């Protein structure tokens, strides 16, 4: 497997976590987003969206982190990250999608560049980022509190897809100095996950290129 990756990409970070949790060996190819390598003809041939991650496997290219992880669950089911039970599956995916659909798209590089092009100052853009992270985290904190599960993770006794999506977003929250005191359940789940080597090994600090 070859993962077209960027060390600080939240979406790519999720896939690194999933691959590590499943014990799947893979190679990384860094796509330097700040240098616009994602817009090169070679990368666009792999992923017409011009985004990361893209996973080359079995003669095909998979894109979109949730789709990749769903494929991994189907082909490498242990440990399962998306529950098989329909009720548990819906709950786990709803939590993951708070991050993937509601928080992350408003704060990614494309949006930040567009805001800058519109004349929005750096400080205002950072406040934009913190606002949408905090709004999404407030909902996710409430969803976590509504669960009757035992264990420190959003997934209960073991991490699931919700934790895989939470941890990269918590990294971003701290990068932008988002206050986290109002989200104790999320902080606890993040700490529990990062204490596990598959999560720790996927951290941007562990995979950052030497440039």
Protein backbone atom coordinates (compact mmCIF):
# COMPACT_ATOMS: atom_id res chain seq x y z
CA UNK A 1 0.00 0.00 0.00
CA UNK A 2 1.15 3.49 -0.84
CA UNK A 3 -0.40 6.39 1.05
CA UNK A 4 -0.22 9.80 -0.57
CA UNK A 5 -0.06 11.79 2.60
CA UNK A 6 0.68 15.15 4.20
CA UNK A 7 1.85 15.08 7.77
CA UNK A 8 -0.52 17.81 9.01
CA UNK A 9 -3.55 16.82 6.94
CA UNK A 10 -6.36 15.80 9.29
CA UNK A 11 -7.86 13.46 6.72
CA UNK A 12 -4.55 11.74 6.01
CA UNK A 13 -3.85 11.54 9.77
CA UNK A 14 -7.10 9.57 10.17
CA UNK A 15 -6.00 7.02 7.59
CA UNK A 16 -2.56 6.65 9.21
CA UNK A 17 -4.29 5.89 12.52
CA UNK A 18 -6.57 3.31 10.91
CA UNK A 19 -3.73 1.57 9.11
CA UNK A 20 -1.69 1.47 12.32
CA UNK A 21 -4.57 0.13 14.40
CA UNK A 22 -5.01 -2.68 11.90
CA UNK A 23 -1.29 -3.41 11.78
CA UNK A 24 -1.12 -2.89 8.01
CA UNK A 25 2.29 -2.05 6.57
CA UNK A 26 2.30 0.84 4.12
CA UNK A 27 4.61 3.32 2.48
CA UNK A 28 4.11 7.08 2.62
CA UNK A 29 4.62 9.60 -0.15
CA UNK A 30 4.57 13.17 1.14
CA UNK A 31 2.46 15.59 -0.88
CA UNK A 32 3.53 19.07 0.20
CA UNK A 33 0.27 20.98 0.32
CA UNK A 34 1.87 24.35 1.03
CA UNK A 35 3.86 23.93 -2.19
CA UNK A 36 0.70 22.99 -4.13
CA UNK A 37 1.98 19.54 -5.05
CA UNK A 38 -1.62 18.33 -4.69
CA UNK A 39 -2.44 20.34 -7.83
CA UNK A 40 0.27 18.72 -9.95
CA UNK A 41 -0.89 16.75 -13.03
CA UNK A 42 0.51 13.56 -11.50
CA UNK A 43 -1.48 13.95 -8.29
CA UNK A 44 -4.64 15.07 -10.06
CA UNK A 45 -4.44 11.88 -12.11
CA UNK A 46 -4.65 9.97 -8.83
CA UNK A 47 -7.20 12.19 -7.12
CA UNK A 48 -9.14 14.62 -9.30
CA UNK A 49 -10.09 16.63 -6.20
CA UNK A 50 -6.46 17.53 -5.67
CA UNK A 51 -6.57 16.43 -2.03
CA UNK A 52 -4.95 13.95 0.31
CA UNK A 53 -5.19 11.18 1.31
CA UNK A 54 -5.06 8.88 -1.67
CA UNK A 55 -4.33 5.22 -1.05
CA UNK A 56 -2.91 3.09 -3.85
CA UNK A 57 -3.79 -0.54 -3.19
CA UNK A 58 -4.51 -3.63 -5.28
CA UNK A 59 -4.19 -1.69 -8.53
CA UNK A 60 -6.74 0.94 -7.55
CA UNK A 61 -6.68 4.39 -5.92
CA UNK A 62 -8.96 5.07 -2.97
CA UNK A 63 -9.77 8.61 -1.84
CA UNK A 64 -11.73 10.29 0.97
CA UNK A 65 -10.71 9.22 4.46
CA UNK A 66 -14.05 7.75 5.51
CA UNK A 67 -14.34 5.73 2.30
CA UNK A 68 -10.78 4.46 2.72
CA UNK A 69 -11.39 3.42 6.33
CA UNK A 70 -14.66 1.73 5.39
CA UNK A 71 -12.76 -0.23 2.70
CA UNK A 72 -10.08 -1.17 5.23
CA UNK A 73 -12.75 -2.40 7.62
CA UNK A 74 -14.21 -4.60 4.90
CA UNK A 75 -10.85 -6.05 3.81
CA UNK A 76 -9.07 -6.07 7.20
CA UNK A 77 -11.87 -6.33 9.76
CA UNK A 78 -9.80 -6.56 12.95
CA UNK A 79 -10.03 -4.40 14.90
CA UNK A 80 -13.30 -3.19 13.51
CA UNK A 81 -13.56 0.60 13.50
CA UNK A 82 -17.08 1.05 12.13
CA UNK A 83 -19.47 -1.10 14.19
CA UNK A 84 -21.42 -3.79 12.39
CA UNK A 85 -24.55 -3.37 14.52
CA UNK A 86 -26.78 -0.86 12.71
CA UNK A 87 -27.59 1.18 15.82
CA UNK A 88 -23.99 1.37 17.00
CA UNK A 89 -22.85 2.07 13.43
CA UNK A 90 -25.19 5.05 13.14
CA UNK A 91 -24.01 6.48 16.46
CA UNK A 92 -20.32 6.08 15.64
CA UNK A 93 -20.64 7.52 12.14
CA UNK A 94 -22.68 10.47 13.40
CA UNK A 95 -19.85 11.38 15.77
CA UNK A 96 -17.23 10.98 13.07
CA UNK A 97 -19.23 13.10 10.67
CA UNK A 98 -19.45 15.98 13.14
CA UNK A 99 -15.72 16.26 12.50
CA UNK A 100 -15.59 15.20 8.85
CA UNK A 101 -18.63 17.11 7.58
CA UNK A 102 -19.20 19.98 9.99
CA UNK A 103 -15.83 21.06 11.43
CA UNK A 104 -13.01 20.11 9.10
CA UNK A 105 -14.38 21.41 5.75
CA UNK A 106 -14.68 24.92 7.19
CA UNK A 107 -11.07 24.97 8.38
CA UNK A 108 -9.02 23.26 5.70
CA UNK A 109 -6.27 24.83 3.63
CA UNK A 110 -8.51 25.68 0.67
CA UNK A 111 -10.88 27.65 2.87
CA UNK A 112 -8.05 29.44 4.69
CA UNK A 113 -6.53 30.47 1.37
CA UNK A 114 -9.87 31.72 0.08
CA UNK A 115 -10.45 33.79 3.21
CA UNK A 116 -6.98 35.28 2.83
CA UNK A 117 -7.68 36.10 -0.82
CA UNK A 118 -10.84 37.89 0.34
CA UNK A 119 -8.71 40.12 2.55
CA UNK A 120 -9.47 38.42 5.87
CA UNK A 121 -6.59 39.00 8.30
CA UNK A 122 -4.70 36.12 9.92
CA UNK A 123 -6.15 36.85 13.38
CA UNK A 124 -9.70 36.80 12.05
CA UNK A 125 -9.06 33.57 10.15
CA UNK A 126 -7.74 31.95 13.32
CA UNK A 127 -10.84 33.10 15.19
CA UNK A 128 -12.99 31.61 12.40
CA UNK A 129 -11.19 28.31 12.88
CA UNK A 130 -11.64 28.34 16.65
CA UNK A 131 -15.33 29.22 16.32
CA UNK A 132 -16.21 26.28 14.10
CA UNK A 133 -14.10 23.84 16.09
CA UNK A 134 -15.78 24.93 19.33
CA UNK A 135 -19.27 24.73 17.82
CA UNK A 136 -18.67 21.21 16.52
CA UNK A 137 -16.96 20.09 19.72
CA UNK A 138 -19.90 21.33 21.81
CA UNK A 139 -22.22 19.04 19.86
CA UNK A 140 -19.76 16.14 19.99
CA UNK A 141 -19.29 16.57 23.75
CA UNK A 142 -23.05 16.35 24.23
CA UNK A 143 -23.26 13.29 21.99
CA UNK A 144 -20.48 11.63 23.99
CA UNK A 145 -22.33 12.39 27.23
CA UNK A 146 -25.52 10.83 25.90
CA UNK A 147 -23.81 7.49 25.37
CA UNK A 148 -24.15 4.77 27.95
CA UNK A 149 -20.74 3.23 27.27
CA UNK A 150 -18.01 2.11 29.59
CA UNK A 151 -14.49 3.16 28.86
CA UNK A 152 -12.51 6.26 28.11
CA UNK A 153 -12.94 6.35 24.32
CA UNK A 154 -15.74 7.80 22.24
CA UNK A 155 -16.17 4.21 21.07
CA UNK A 156 -16.42 2.94 24.65
CA UNK A 157 -13.93 0.37 25.92
CA UNK A 158 -12.00 0.46 22.61
CA UNK A 159 -11.50 3.22 20.07
CA UNK A 160 -13.69 3.30 16.99
CA UNK A 161 -14.18 5.53 13.96
CA UNK A 162 -15.24 8.45 16.16
CA UNK A 163 -11.90 8.38 17.98
CA UNK A 164 -10.00 8.07 14.70
CA UNK A 165 -11.65 11.31 13.55
CA UNK A 166 -11.48 13.08 16.92
CA UNK A 167 -7.74 12.85 17.51
CA UNK A 168 -6.60 14.73 14.37
CA UNK A 169 -9.21 17.42 15.03
CA UNK A 170 -7.94 17.81 18.60
CA UNK A 171 -4.47 18.30 17.15
CA UNK A 172 -5.85 21.10 14.99
CA UNK A 173 -7.74 22.59 17.92
CA UNK A 174 -4.53 22.90 19.89
CA UNK A 175 -2.63 24.30 16.89
CA UNK A 176 -5.11 27.16 16.79
CA UNK A 177 -5.26 27.60 20.60
CA UNK A 178 -8.90 26.56 20.86
CA UNK A 179 -10.02 26.52 24.53
CA UNK A 180 -10.88 22.94 25.50
CA UNK A 181 -12.08 23.29 29.10
CA UNK A 182 -15.71 22.88 28.02
CA UNK A 183 -15.01 19.50 26.43
CA UNK A 184 -13.75 17.16 29.19
CA UNK A 185 -15.09 13.99 27.55
CA UNK A 186 -13.31 14.81 24.30
CA UNK A 187 -10.08 15.65 26.11
CA UNK A 188 -10.29 12.34 28.00
CA UNK A 189 -10.94 10.33 24.83
CA UNK A 190 -8.09 12.08 23.02
CA UNK A 191 -5.67 11.39 25.86
CA UNK A 192 -6.69 7.73 26.05
CA UNK A 193 -6.23 7.31 22.31
CA UNK A 194 -2.87 9.04 22.17
CA UNK A 195 -1.60 6.70 24.89
CA UNK A 196 -1.95 3.86 22.34
CA UNK A 197 1.02 3.42 20.02
CA UNK A 198 -0.99 3.18 16.76
CA UNK A 199 -2.39 6.64 17.46
CA UNK A 200 0.91 8.01 18.75
CA UNK A 201 2.82 6.72 15.73
CA UNK A 202 0.46 8.55 13.37
CA UNK A 203 0.97 11.93 15.06
CA UNK A 204 2.27 14.65 12.72
CA UNK A 205 5.36 15.12 14.89
CA UNK A 206 6.28 11.47 14.30
CA UNK A 207 5.92 11.56 10.51
CA UNK A 208 6.91 15.14 9.68
CA UNK A 209 9.38 15.37 6.79
CA UNK A 210 12.89 16.58 7.47
CA UNK A 211 12.76 19.75 5.45
